[in-house]
């Protein structure tokens, strides 16, 4: 009997055919052989959907040949999806898992219709959540910056940035320095020297929490005069608080549309939470005791 040469089996194409045959054979043995799974119907509705998607993406109608290609690509995807599903290729894929969870959540949300609240319902919601709509305090100020190890600091008798800023405060308030020249005093600063109507959080993002606390702590009696020094993430500052606009809560009539959106969003979150709990109650959940992680590097 003639033996097949080993070179024949080393051919990549032959190996591919053999592997494909093995997969098909294994699959045929372990699947239920449901013939309906081998039927693919591309309905008129499917074609209309594919046509619409292509038209939206490319802003024009596909030609007949392009539509045929789109349909063929749809069939190709459907076939590969079914084959991949049979092989359970997505079971351990975290991306596919999260995408399926996301789609299920969207589906569960679409099953519940949240209607707009009545007048009294919206008023009650607004009253219970007023803090969400509060407009924070806004501060306007100027500052003169002193850095450590700078020329301006070196000229101070104590060679200290805090002392230099303090001396500038005293000089400006005593009119020993021309107040109109305040921008020329101190050290160069990478940010602005004057800010208008900034919220405390915005100021903290620029200067740090300590500076913001010092600025907000300036009394109304000291508005429009130089105070300090106040420390920031960069150094020390002589500061003049120009104005303070206190926090305010807008009237419901002025922000009605936003409150309605928040009301619906809150209702939807609560509905989703209730639905999740109802589904969870149908499961028997067992959680093992937590391992001891005290010796792991993450706690160092």
C-alpha atoms as a PDB file:
ATOM      1  CA  UNK A   1       0.000   0.000   0.000  1.00  0.00           C
ATOM      2  CA  UNK A   2       1.300   3.450  -0.913  1.00  0.00           C
ATOM      3  CA  UNK A   3       2.088   5.600   2.143  1.00  0.00           C
ATOM      4  CA  UNK A   4       1.364   9.327   2.213  1.00  0.00           C
ATOM      5  CA  UNK A   5       4.642  11.291   2.417  1.00  0.00           C
ATOM      6  CA  UNK A   6       5.113  13.263   5.663  1.00  0.00           C
ATOM      7  CA  UNK A   7       5.639  16.359   3.576  1.00  0.00           C
ATOM      8  CA  UNK A   8       1.960  16.143   2.582  1.00  0.00           C
ATOM      9  CA  UNK A   9       0.831  16.609   6.228  1.00  0.00           C
ATOM     10  CA  UNK A  10       3.239  19.490   6.810  1.00  0.00           C
ATOM     11  CA  UNK A  11       1.433  21.620   4.240  1.00  0.00           C
ATOM     12  CA  UNK A  12      -0.391  24.440   6.199  1.00  0.00           C
ATOM     13  CA  UNK A  13      -3.418  24.210   3.908  1.00  0.00           C
ATOM     14  CA  UNK A  14      -3.753  20.462   4.535  1.00  0.00           C
ATOM     15  CA  UNK A  15      -3.407  21.077   8.293  1.00  0.00           C
ATOM     16  CA  UNK A  16      -6.149  23.691   8.095  1.00  0.00           C
ATOM     17  CA  UNK A  17      -8.478  21.267   6.287  1.00  0.00           C
ATOM     18  CA  UNK A  18      -7.792  18.516   8.832  1.00  0.00           C
ATOM     19  CA  UNK A  19      -8.403  20.876  11.762  1.00  0.00           C
ATOM     20  CA  UNK A  20     -11.617  22.114  10.176  1.00  0.00           C
ATOM     21  CA  UNK A  21     -12.812  18.556   9.644  1.00  0.00           C
ATOM     22  CA  UNK A  22     -12.071  17.681  13.284  1.00  0.00           C
ATOM     23  CA  UNK A  23     -13.981  20.694  14.546  1.00  0.00           C
ATOM     24  CA  UNK A  24     -16.922  19.869  12.301  1.00  0.00           C
ATOM     25  CA  UNK A  25     -16.869  16.198  13.391  1.00  0.00           C
ATOM     26  CA  UNK A  26     -16.725  17.049  17.105  1.00  0.00           C
ATOM     27  CA  UNK A  27     -19.437  19.567  16.621  1.00  0.00           C
ATOM     28  CA  UNK A  28     -21.666  17.118  14.808  1.00  0.00           C
ATOM     29  CA  UNK A  29     -21.302  14.585  17.624  1.00  0.00           C
ATOM     30  CA  UNK A  30     -22.022  16.916  20.524  1.00  0.00           C
ATOM     31  CA  UNK A  31     -24.746  19.127  19.051  1.00  0.00           C
ATOM     32  CA  UNK A  32     -28.384  18.222  18.855  1.00  0.00           C
ATOM     33  CA  UNK A  33     -28.440  18.507  15.070  1.00  0.00           C
ATOM     34  CA  UNK A  34     -31.415  20.853  15.055  1.00  0.00           C
ATOM     35  CA  UNK A  35     -31.911  21.656  11.363  1.00  0.00           C
ATOM     36  CA  UNK A  36     -33.618  24.962  12.204  1.00  0.00           C
ATOM     37  CA  UNK A  37     -30.256  26.243  13.384  1.00  0.00           C
ATOM     38  CA  UNK A  38     -29.025  25.900   9.804  1.00  0.00           C
ATOM     39  CA  UNK A  39     -31.775  28.105   8.395  1.00  0.00           C
ATOM     40  CA  UNK A  40     -31.016  31.790   7.822  1.00  0.00           C
ATOM     41  CA  UNK A  41     -33.768  34.045   6.557  1.00  0.00           C
ATOM     42  CA  UNK A  42     -33.016  37.629   5.573  1.00  0.00           C
ATOM     43  CA  UNK A  43     -36.426  39.267   5.708  1.00  0.00           C
ATOM     44  CA  UNK A  44     -37.557  42.401   3.952  1.00  0.00           C
ATOM     45  CA  UNK A  45     -37.432  44.129   7.330  1.00  0.00           C
ATOM     46  CA  UNK A  46     -33.800  43.030   7.753  1.00  0.00           C
ATOM     47  CA  UNK A  47     -32.908  44.374   4.320  1.00  0.00           C
ATOM     48  CA  UNK A  48     -34.632  47.681   5.080  1.00  0.00           C
ATOM     49  CA  UNK A  49     -32.709  47.939   8.360  1.00  0.00           C
ATOM     50  CA  UNK A  50     -29.366  47.190   6.679  1.00  0.00           C
ATOM     51  CA  UNK A  51     -30.180  49.657   3.911  1.00  0.00           C
ATOM     52  CA  UNK A  52     -31.049  52.346   6.463  1.00  0.00           C
ATOM     53  CA  UNK A  53     -27.907  51.792   8.532  1.00  0.00           C
ATOM     54  CA  UNK A  54     -25.671  52.050   5.453  1.00  0.00           C
ATOM     55  CA  UNK A  55     -27.500  55.160   4.212  1.00  0.00           C
ATOM     56  CA  UNK A  56     -27.159  56.862   7.596  1.00  0.00           C
ATOM     57  CA  UNK A  57     -23.453  56.085   7.835  1.00  0.00           C
ATOM     58  CA  UNK A  58     -22.520  57.176   4.311  1.00  0.00           C
ATOM     59  CA  UNK A  59     -25.222  59.825   3.725  1.00  0.00           C
ATOM     60  CA  UNK A  60     -26.304  58.272   0.426  1.00  0.00           C
ATOM     61  CA  UNK A  61     -28.264  55.324  -0.968  1.00  0.00           C
ATOM     62  CA  UNK A  62     -26.342  52.085  -1.655  1.00  0.00           C
ATOM     63  CA  UNK A  63     -26.276  50.766  -5.181  1.00  0.00           C
ATOM     64  CA  UNK A  64     -27.848  47.404  -5.955  1.00  0.00           C
ATOM     65  CA  UNK A  65     -24.403  45.772  -5.948  1.00  0.00           C
ATOM     66  CA  UNK A  66     -23.507  47.445  -2.654  1.00  0.00           C
ATOM     67  CA  UNK A  67     -26.771  46.266  -1.099  1.00  0.00           C
ATOM     68  CA  UNK A  68     -26.022  42.712  -2.225  1.00  0.00           C
ATOM     69  CA  UNK A  69     -22.614  43.004  -0.564  1.00  0.00           C
ATOM     70  CA  UNK A  70     -24.206  44.361   2.632  1.00  0.00           C
ATOM     71  CA  UNK A  71     -26.645  41.432   2.737  1.00  0.00           C
ATOM     72  CA  UNK A  72     -23.835  38.959   2.117  1.00  0.00           C
ATOM     73  CA  UNK A  73     -21.832  40.509   4.983  1.00  0.00           C
ATOM     74  CA  UNK A  74     -24.874  40.210   7.236  1.00  0.00           C
ATOM     75  CA  UNK A  75     -25.198  36.505   6.363  1.00  0.00           C
ATOM     76  CA  UNK A  76     -21.479  36.002   6.971  1.00  0.00           C
ATOM     77  CA  UNK A  77     -21.727  37.604  10.424  1.00  0.00           C
ATOM     78  CA  UNK A  78     -24.814  35.542  11.293  1.00  0.00           C
ATOM     79  CA  UNK A  79     -23.117  32.294  10.299  1.00  0.00           C
ATOM     80  CA  UNK A  80     -19.924  33.043  12.228  1.00  0.00           C
ATOM     81  CA  UNK A  81     -21.966  34.217  15.235  1.00  0.00           C
ATOM     82  CA  UNK A  82     -23.910  30.947  15.319  1.00  0.00           C
ATOM     83  CA  UNK A  83     -20.747  28.870  14.934  1.00  0.00           C
ATOM     84  CA  UNK A  84     -19.001  30.842  17.683  1.00  0.00           C
ATOM     85  CA  UNK A  85     -22.039  30.451  19.934  1.00  0.00           C
ATOM     86  CA  UNK A  86     -22.034  26.689  19.415  1.00  0.00           C
ATOM     87  CA  UNK A  87     -18.393  26.578  20.457  1.00  0.00           C
ATOM     88  CA  UNK A  88     -19.245  28.765  23.472  1.00  0.00           C
ATOM     89  CA  UNK A  89     -16.460  31.164  22.573  1.00  0.00           C
ATOM     90  CA  UNK A  90     -18.031  34.051  24.459  1.00  0.00           C
ATOM     91  CA  UNK A  91     -18.608  32.386  27.812  1.00  0.00           C
ATOM     92  CA  UNK A  92     -15.264  33.426  29.349  1.00  0.00           C
ATOM     93  CA  UNK A  93     -14.898  36.709  27.491  1.00  0.00           C
ATOM     94  CA  UNK A  94     -15.299  39.582  29.982  1.00  0.00           C
ATOM     95  CA  UNK A  95     -16.021  42.123  27.215  1.00  0.00           C
ATOM     96  CA  UNK A  96     -18.844  40.014  25.780  1.00  0.00           C
ATOM     97  CA  UNK A  97     -20.141  39.372  29.302  1.00  0.00           C
ATOM     98  CA  UNK A  98     -20.292  43.079  30.113  1.00  0.00           C
ATOM     99  CA  UNK A  99     -21.884  43.890  26.767  1.00  0.00           C
ATOM    100  CA  UNK A 100     -24.628  41.304  27.356  1.00  0.00           C
ATOM    101  CA  UNK A 101     -25.251  42.683  30.854  1.00  0.00           C
ATOM    102  CA  UNK A 102     -25.450  46.186  29.407  1.00  0.00           C
ATOM    103  CA  UNK A 103     -27.934  45.124  26.738  1.00  0.00           C
ATOM    104  CA  UNK A 104     -30.047  43.327  29.340  1.00  0.00           C
ATOM    105  CA  UNK A 105     -30.095  46.460  31.496  1.00  0.00           C
ATOM    106  CA  UNK A 106     -31.182  48.552  28.508  1.00  0.00           C
ATOM    107  CA  UNK A 107     -33.912  46.011  27.792  1.00  0.00           C
ATOM    108  CA  UNK A 108     -35.183  46.041  31.377  1.00  0.00           C
ATOM    109  CA  UNK A 109     -35.218  49.845  31.377  1.00  0.00           C
ATOM    110  CA  UNK A 110     -37.213  49.983  28.164  1.00  0.00           C
ATOM    111  CA  UNK A 111     -39.921  47.794  29.697  1.00  0.00           C
ATOM    112  CA  UNK A 112     -40.778  50.450  32.278  1.00  0.00           C
ATOM    113  CA  UNK A 113     -42.270  53.771  31.224  1.00  0.00           C
ATOM    114  CA  UNK A 114     -41.582  56.658  33.583  1.00  0.00           C
ATOM    115  CA  UNK A 115     -44.087  59.468  33.161  1.00  0.00           C
ATOM    116  CA  UNK A 116     -43.475  63.107  33.974  1.00  0.00           C
ATOM    117  CA  UNK A 117     -44.361  64.045  37.551  1.00  0.00           C
ATOM    118  CA  UNK A 118     -47.424  65.984  38.492  1.00  0.00           C
ATOM    119  CA  UNK A 119     -47.035  69.483  39.940  1.00  0.00           C
ATOM    120  CA  UNK A 120     -47.166  68.348  43.589  1.00  0.00           C
ATOM    121  CA  UNK A 121     -44.818  65.408  42.901  1.00  0.00           C
ATOM    122  CA  UNK A 122     -42.235  67.713  41.337  1.00  0.00           C
ATOM    123  CA  UNK A 123     -42.526  70.213  44.189  1.00  0.00           C
ATOM    124  CA  UNK A 124     -41.987  67.457  46.760  1.00  0.00           C
ATOM    125  CA  UNK A 125     -38.977  66.149  44.833  1.00  0.00           C
ATOM    126  CA  UNK A 126     -37.479  69.635  44.565  1.00  0.00           C
ATOM    127  CA  UNK A 127     -38.013  70.329  48.273  1.00  0.00           C
ATOM    128  CA  UNK A 128     -36.303  67.057  49.227  1.00  0.00           C
ATOM    129  CA  UNK A 129     -33.340  67.690  46.900  1.00  0.00           C
ATOM    130  CA  UNK A 130     -32.769  71.432  47.117  1.00  0.00           C
ATOM    131  CA  UNK A 131     -29.083  70.968  47.929  1.00  0.00           C
ATOM    132  CA  UNK A 132     -28.566  69.465  44.467  1.00  0.00           C
ATOM    133  CA  UNK A 133     -29.516  72.774  42.855  1.00  0.00           C
ATOM    134  CA  UNK A 134     -27.732  75.166  45.169  1.00  0.00           C
ATOM    135  CA  UNK A 135     -25.441  77.593  43.338  1.00  0.00           C
ATOM    136  CA  UNK A 136     -22.155  77.681  45.300  1.00  0.00           C
ATOM    137  CA  UNK A 137     -20.574  80.804  46.702  1.00  0.00           C
ATOM    138  CA  UNK A 138     -18.546  82.752  44.131  1.00  0.00           C
ATOM    139  CA  UNK A 139     -15.412  84.703  44.943  1.00  0.00           C
ATOM    140  CA  UNK A 140     -13.556  87.387  43.004  1.00  0.00           C
ATOM    141  CA  UNK A 141      -9.989  88.162  44.084  1.00  0.00           C
ATOM    142  CA  UNK A 142      -6.502  89.397  43.249  1.00  0.00           C
ATOM    143  CA  UNK A 143      -3.248  87.990  44.544  1.00  0.00           C
ATOM    144  CA  UNK A 144       0.484  88.672  44.587  1.00  0.00           C
ATOM    145  CA  UNK A 145       2.611  85.560  44.574  1.00  0.00           C
ATOM    146  CA  UNK A 146       5.864  84.859  46.405  1.00  0.00           C
ATOM    147  CA  UNK A 147       7.877  81.732  45.691  1.00  0.00           C
ATOM    148  CA  UNK A 148      10.564  80.139  47.799  1.00  0.00           C
ATOM    149  CA  UNK A 149      14.121  80.807  46.594  1.00  0.00           C
ATOM    150  CA  UNK A 150      13.088  83.687  44.310  1.00  0.00           C
ATOM    151  CA  UNK A 151      14.623  87.125  43.825  1.00  0.00           C
ATOM    152  CA  UNK A 152      11.666  88.820  45.520  1.00  0.00           C
ATOM    153  CA  UNK A 153      11.949  86.497  48.513  1.00  0.00           C
ATOM    154  CA  UNK A 154      15.702  86.993  48.715  1.00  0.00           C
ATOM    155  CA  UNK A 155      15.171  90.753  49.040  1.00  0.00           C
ATOM    156  CA  UNK A 156      13.078  90.195  52.178  1.00  0.00           C
ATOM    157  CA  UNK A 157      14.989  90.742  55.394  1.00  0.00           C
ATOM    158  CA  UNK A 158      14.009  87.254  56.590  1.00  0.00           C
ATOM    159  CA  UNK A 159      14.665  85.664  53.190  1.00  0.00           C
ATOM    160  CA  UNK A 160      11.280  83.976  53.563  1.00  0.00           C
ATOM    161  CA  UNK A 161       8.359  83.870  51.104  1.00  0.00           C
ATOM    162  CA  UNK A 162       5.753  84.093  53.856  1.00  0.00           C
ATOM    163  CA  UNK A 163       7.488  87.105  55.373  1.00  0.00           C
ATOM    164  CA  UNK A 164       7.826  88.764  51.961  1.00  0.00           C
ATOM    165  CA  UNK A 165       4.089  88.318  51.272  1.00  0.00           C
ATOM    166  CA  UNK A 166       3.226  89.675  54.727  1.00  0.00           C
ATOM    167  CA  UNK A 167       5.417  92.757  54.214  1.00  0.00           C
ATOM    168  CA  UNK A 168       3.717  93.407  50.868  1.00  0.00           C
ATOM    169  CA  UNK A 169       0.295  93.275  52.563  1.00  0.00           C
ATOM    170  CA  UNK A 170       1.411  95.846  55.112  1.00  0.00           C
ATOM    171  CA  UNK A 171       2.993  98.107  52.493  1.00  0.00           C
ATOM    172  CA  UNK A 172      -0.046  98.072  50.187  1.00  0.00           C
ATOM    173  CA  UNK A 173      -2.492  98.833  52.994  1.00  0.00           C
ATOM    174  CA  UNK A 174      -0.250 101.617  54.317  1.00  0.00           C
ATOM    175  CA  UNK A 175       0.029 103.081  50.802  1.00  0.00           C
ATOM    176  CA  UNK A 176       3.788 102.628  50.936  1.00  0.00           C
ATOM    177  CA  UNK A 177       3.480 100.884  47.567  1.00  0.00           C
ATOM    178  CA  UNK A 178       1.477 102.284  44.669  1.00  0.00           C
ATOM    179  CA  UNK A 179      -1.640 100.116  44.708  1.00  0.00           C
ATOM    180  CA  UNK A 180      -2.053 100.514  40.959  1.00  0.00           C
ATOM    181  CA  UNK A 181       1.255  98.695  40.464  1.00  0.00           C
ATOM    182  CA  UNK A 182       0.183  95.566  42.323  1.00  0.00           C
ATOM    183  CA  UNK A 183       0.496  93.425  39.165  1.00  0.00           C
ATOM    184  CA  UNK A 184       4.199  94.232  39.029  1.00  0.00           C
ATOM    185  CA  UNK A 185       4.860  93.094  42.592  1.00  0.00           C
ATOM    186  CA  UNK A 186       5.994  89.668  43.746  1.00  0.00           C
ATOM    187  CA  UNK A 187       7.135  86.840  41.499  1.00  0.00           C
ATOM    188  CA  UNK A 188       6.004  85.715  38.067  1.00  0.00           C
ATOM    189  CA  UNK A 189       3.035  83.382  38.284  1.00  0.00           C
ATOM    190  CA  UNK A 190       2.040  80.731  35.739  1.00  0.00           C
ATOM    191  CA  UNK A 191      -1.692  81.329  36.255  1.00  0.00           C
ATOM    192  CA  UNK A 192      -3.761  84.511  36.395  1.00  0.00           C
ATOM    193  CA  UNK A 193      -3.269  87.228  38.973  1.00  0.00           C
ATOM    194  CA  UNK A 194      -6.958  88.081  39.118  1.00  0.00           C
ATOM    195  CA  UNK A 195     -10.065  85.851  39.073  1.00  0.00           C
ATOM    196  CA  UNK A 196     -13.730  86.793  38.842  1.00  0.00           C
ATOM    197  CA  UNK A 197     -16.729  84.861  40.200  1.00  0.00           C
ATOM    198  CA  UNK A 198     -14.985  81.525  40.816  1.00  0.00           C
ATOM    199  CA  UNK A 199     -16.544  78.741  42.888  1.00  0.00           C
ATOM    200  CA  UNK A 200     -14.502  77.344  45.804  1.00  0.00           C
ATOM    201  CA  UNK A 201     -14.065  74.012  44.025  1.00  0.00           C
ATOM    202  CA  UNK A 202     -12.654  75.768  40.976  1.00  0.00           C
ATOM    203  CA  UNK A 203     -10.240  77.741  43.138  1.00  0.00           C
ATOM    204  CA  UNK A 204      -9.138  74.573  44.929  1.00  0.00           C
ATOM    205  CA  UNK A 205      -8.343  72.934  41.604  1.00  0.00           C
ATOM    206  CA  UNK A 206      -5.998  75.840  40.820  1.00  0.00           C
ATOM    207  CA  UNK A 207      -4.470  76.775  44.180  1.00  0.00           C
ATOM    208  CA  UNK A 208      -5.231  73.920  46.573  1.00  0.00           C
ATOM    209  CA  UNK A 209      -7.613  73.470  49.495  1.00  0.00           C
ATOM    210  CA  UNK A 210      -5.548  75.463  52.043  1.00  0.00           C
ATOM    211  CA  UNK A 211      -5.560  78.570  49.861  1.00  0.00           C
ATOM    212  CA  UNK A 212      -9.301  78.252  49.210  1.00  0.00           C
ATOM    213  CA  UNK A 213     -10.068  77.898  52.912  1.00  0.00           C
ATOM    214  CA  UNK A 214      -7.998  80.999  53.680  1.00  0.00           C
ATOM    215  CA  UNK A 215      -9.686  82.986  50.931  1.00  0.00           C
ATOM    216  CA  UNK A 216     -13.208  81.917  51.916  1.00  0.00           C
ATOM    217  CA  UNK A 217     -12.379  82.717  55.541  1.00  0.00           C
ATOM    218  CA  UNK A 218     -11.796  86.402  54.832  1.00  0.00           C
ATOM    219  CA  UNK A 219     -14.446  88.422  56.680  1.00  0.00           C
ATOM    220  CA  UNK A 220     -16.802  90.827  54.944  1.00  0.00           C
ATOM    221  CA  UNK A 221     -15.090  93.681  56.797  1.00  0.00           C
ATOM    222  CA  UNK A 222     -11.819  92.813  55.053  1.00  0.00           C
ATOM    223  CA  UNK A 223     -13.235  92.754  51.526  1.00  0.00           C
ATOM    224  CA  UNK A 224     -11.359  95.096  49.168  1.00  0.00           C
ATOM    225  CA  UNK A 225      -8.257  95.362  51.363  1.00  0.00           C
ATOM    226  CA  UNK A 226      -5.069  93.302  51.124  1.00  0.00           C
ATOM    227  CA  UNK A 227      -4.833  90.412  53.595  1.00  0.00           C
ATOM    228  CA  UNK A 228      -2.597  87.430  54.166  1.00  0.00           C
ATOM    229  CA  UNK A 229      -0.266  85.886  53.662  1.00  0.00           C
ATOM    230  CA  UNK A 230      -2.192  82.817  52.492  1.00  0.00           C
ATOM    231  CA  UNK A 231      -0.337  79.651  51.514  1.00  0.00           C
ATOM    232  CA  UNK A 232      -1.077  77.754  48.296  1.00  0.00           C
ATOM    233  CA  UNK A 233       0.351  74.730  46.553  1.00  0.00           C
ATOM    234  CA  UNK A 234       2.912  77.060  44.956  1.00  0.00           C
ATOM    235  CA  UNK A 235       4.042  79.377  47.756  1.00  0.00           C
ATOM    236  CA  UNK A 236       2.608  82.370  49.634  1.00  0.00           C
ATOM    237  CA  UNK A 237       0.229  85.090  48.499  1.00  0.00           C
ATOM    238  CA  UNK A 238      -0.889  88.561  49.454  1.00  0.00           C
ATOM    239  CA  UNK A 239      -4.613  88.496  48.650  1.00  0.00           C
ATOM    240  CA  UNK A 240      -7.387  91.031  48.082  1.00  0.00           C
ATOM    241  CA  UNK A 241     -10.919  89.635  48.099  1.00  0.00           C
ATOM    242  CA  UNK A 242     -12.873  91.887  45.738  1.00  0.00           C
ATOM    243  CA  UNK A 243     -16.367  90.477  46.198  1.00  0.00           C
ATOM    244  CA  UNK A 244     -18.270  87.512  47.587  1.00  0.00           C
ATOM    245  CA  UNK A 245     -21.529  86.285  46.104  1.00  0.00           C
ATOM    246  CA  UNK A 246     -23.231  84.043  48.688  1.00  0.00           C
ATOM    247  CA  UNK A 247     -24.729  80.653  47.824  1.00  0.00           C
ATOM    248  CA  UNK A 248     -28.214  80.732  46.329  1.00  0.00           C
ATOM    249  CA  UNK A 249     -30.934  78.261  45.481  1.00  0.00           C
ATOM    250  CA  UNK A 250     -32.886  79.015  42.295  1.00  0.00           C
ATOM    251  CA  UNK A 251     -36.660  78.891  42.237  1.00  0.00           C
ATOM    252  CA  UNK A 252     -38.281  75.731  40.902  1.00  0.00           C
ATOM    253  CA  UNK A 253     -39.892  77.720  38.084  1.00  0.00           C
ATOM    254  CA  UNK A 254     -36.443  78.781  36.848  1.00  0.00           C
ATOM    255  CA  UNK A 255     -35.041  75.251  36.609  1.00  0.00           C
ATOM    256  CA  UNK A 256     -38.202  73.206  36.123  1.00  0.00           C
ATOM    257  CA  UNK A 257     -36.963  71.309  33.043  1.00  0.00           C
ATOM    258  CA  UNK A 258     -33.766  70.206  34.802  1.00  0.00           C
ATOM    259  CA  UNK A 259     -35.673  69.073  37.895  1.00  0.00           C
ATOM    260  CA  UNK A 260     -38.044  67.034  35.702  1.00  0.00           C
ATOM    261  CA  UNK A 261     -35.080  65.295  34.068  1.00  0.00           C
ATOM    262  CA  UNK A 262     -33.588  64.522  37.502  1.00  0.00           C
ATOM    263  CA  UNK A 263     -36.937  63.265  38.799  1.00  0.00           C
ATOM    264  CA  UNK A 264     -37.292  60.824  35.880  1.00  0.00           C
ATOM    265  CA  UNK A 265     -33.660  59.700  36.217  1.00  0.00           C
ATOM    266  CA  UNK A 266     -34.105  59.046  39.948  1.00  0.00           C
ATOM    267  CA  UNK A 267     -37.335  57.135  39.362  1.00  0.00           C
ATOM    268  CA  UNK A 268     -35.647  55.037  36.684  1.00  0.00           C
ATOM    269  CA  UNK A 269     -32.716  54.217  38.988  1.00  0.00           C
ATOM    270  CA  UNK A 270     -35.104  53.215  41.754  1.00  0.00           C
ATOM    271  CA  UNK A 271     -37.177  51.100  39.371  1.00  0.00           C
ATOM    272  CA  UNK A 272     -34.029  49.363  38.114  1.00  0.00           C
ATOM    273  CA  UNK A 273     -32.879  48.749  41.687  1.00  0.00           C
ATOM    274  CA  UNK A 274     -36.251  47.255  42.605  1.00  0.00           C
ATOM    275  CA  UNK A 275     -36.234  45.073  39.496  1.00  0.00           C
ATOM    276  CA  UNK A 276     -32.717  43.845  40.224  1.00  0.00           C
ATOM    277  CA  UNK A 277     -33.705  42.968  43.773  1.00  0.00           C
ATOM    278  CA  UNK A 278     -36.754  41.048  42.563  1.00  0.00           C
ATOM    279  CA  UNK A 279     -34.584  39.017  40.164  1.00  0.00           C
ATOM    280  CA  UNK A 280     -31.856  38.519  42.761  1.00  0.00           C
ATOM    281  CA  UNK A 281     -34.405  37.108  45.173  1.00  0.00           C
ATOM    282  CA  UNK A 282     -34.975  34.259  42.697  1.00  0.00           C
ATOM    283  CA  UNK A 283     -31.361  33.109  43.086  1.00  0.00           C
ATOM    284  CA  UNK A 284     -29.732  31.171  45.889  1.00  0.00           C
ATOM    285  CA  UNK A 285     -26.479  33.054  46.402  1.00  0.00           C
ATOM    286  CA  UNK A 286     -23.561  31.605  48.332  1.00  0.00           C
ATOM    287  CA  UNK A 287     -20.475  33.728  49.074  1.00  0.00           C
ATOM    288  CA  UNK A 288     -17.407  32.080  50.558  1.00  0.00           C
ATOM    289  CA  UNK A 289     -15.594  33.765  53.466  1.00  0.00           C
ATOM    290  CA  UNK A 290     -13.154  36.406  52.287  1.00  0.00           C
ATOM    291  CA  UNK A 291      -9.496  35.307  52.170  1.00  0.00           C
ATOM    292  CA  UNK A 292      -6.981  37.020  54.412  1.00  0.00           C
ATOM    293  CA  UNK A 293      -5.314  39.703  52.292  1.00  0.00           C
ATOM    294  CA  UNK A 294      -3.315  41.256  55.120  1.00  0.00           C
ATOM    295  CA  UNK A 295      -0.023  39.833  53.828  1.00  0.00           C
ATOM    296  CA  UNK A 296      -0.524  40.919  50.229  1.00  0.00           C
ATOM    297  CA  UNK A 297       1.525  43.728  48.688  1.00  0.00           C
ATOM    298  CA  UNK A 298      -1.600  45.760  48.037  1.00  0.00           C
ATOM    299  CA  UNK A 299      -1.797  46.675  51.733  1.00  0.00           C
ATOM    300  CA  UNK A 300       1.779  47.889  51.976  1.00  0.00           C
END
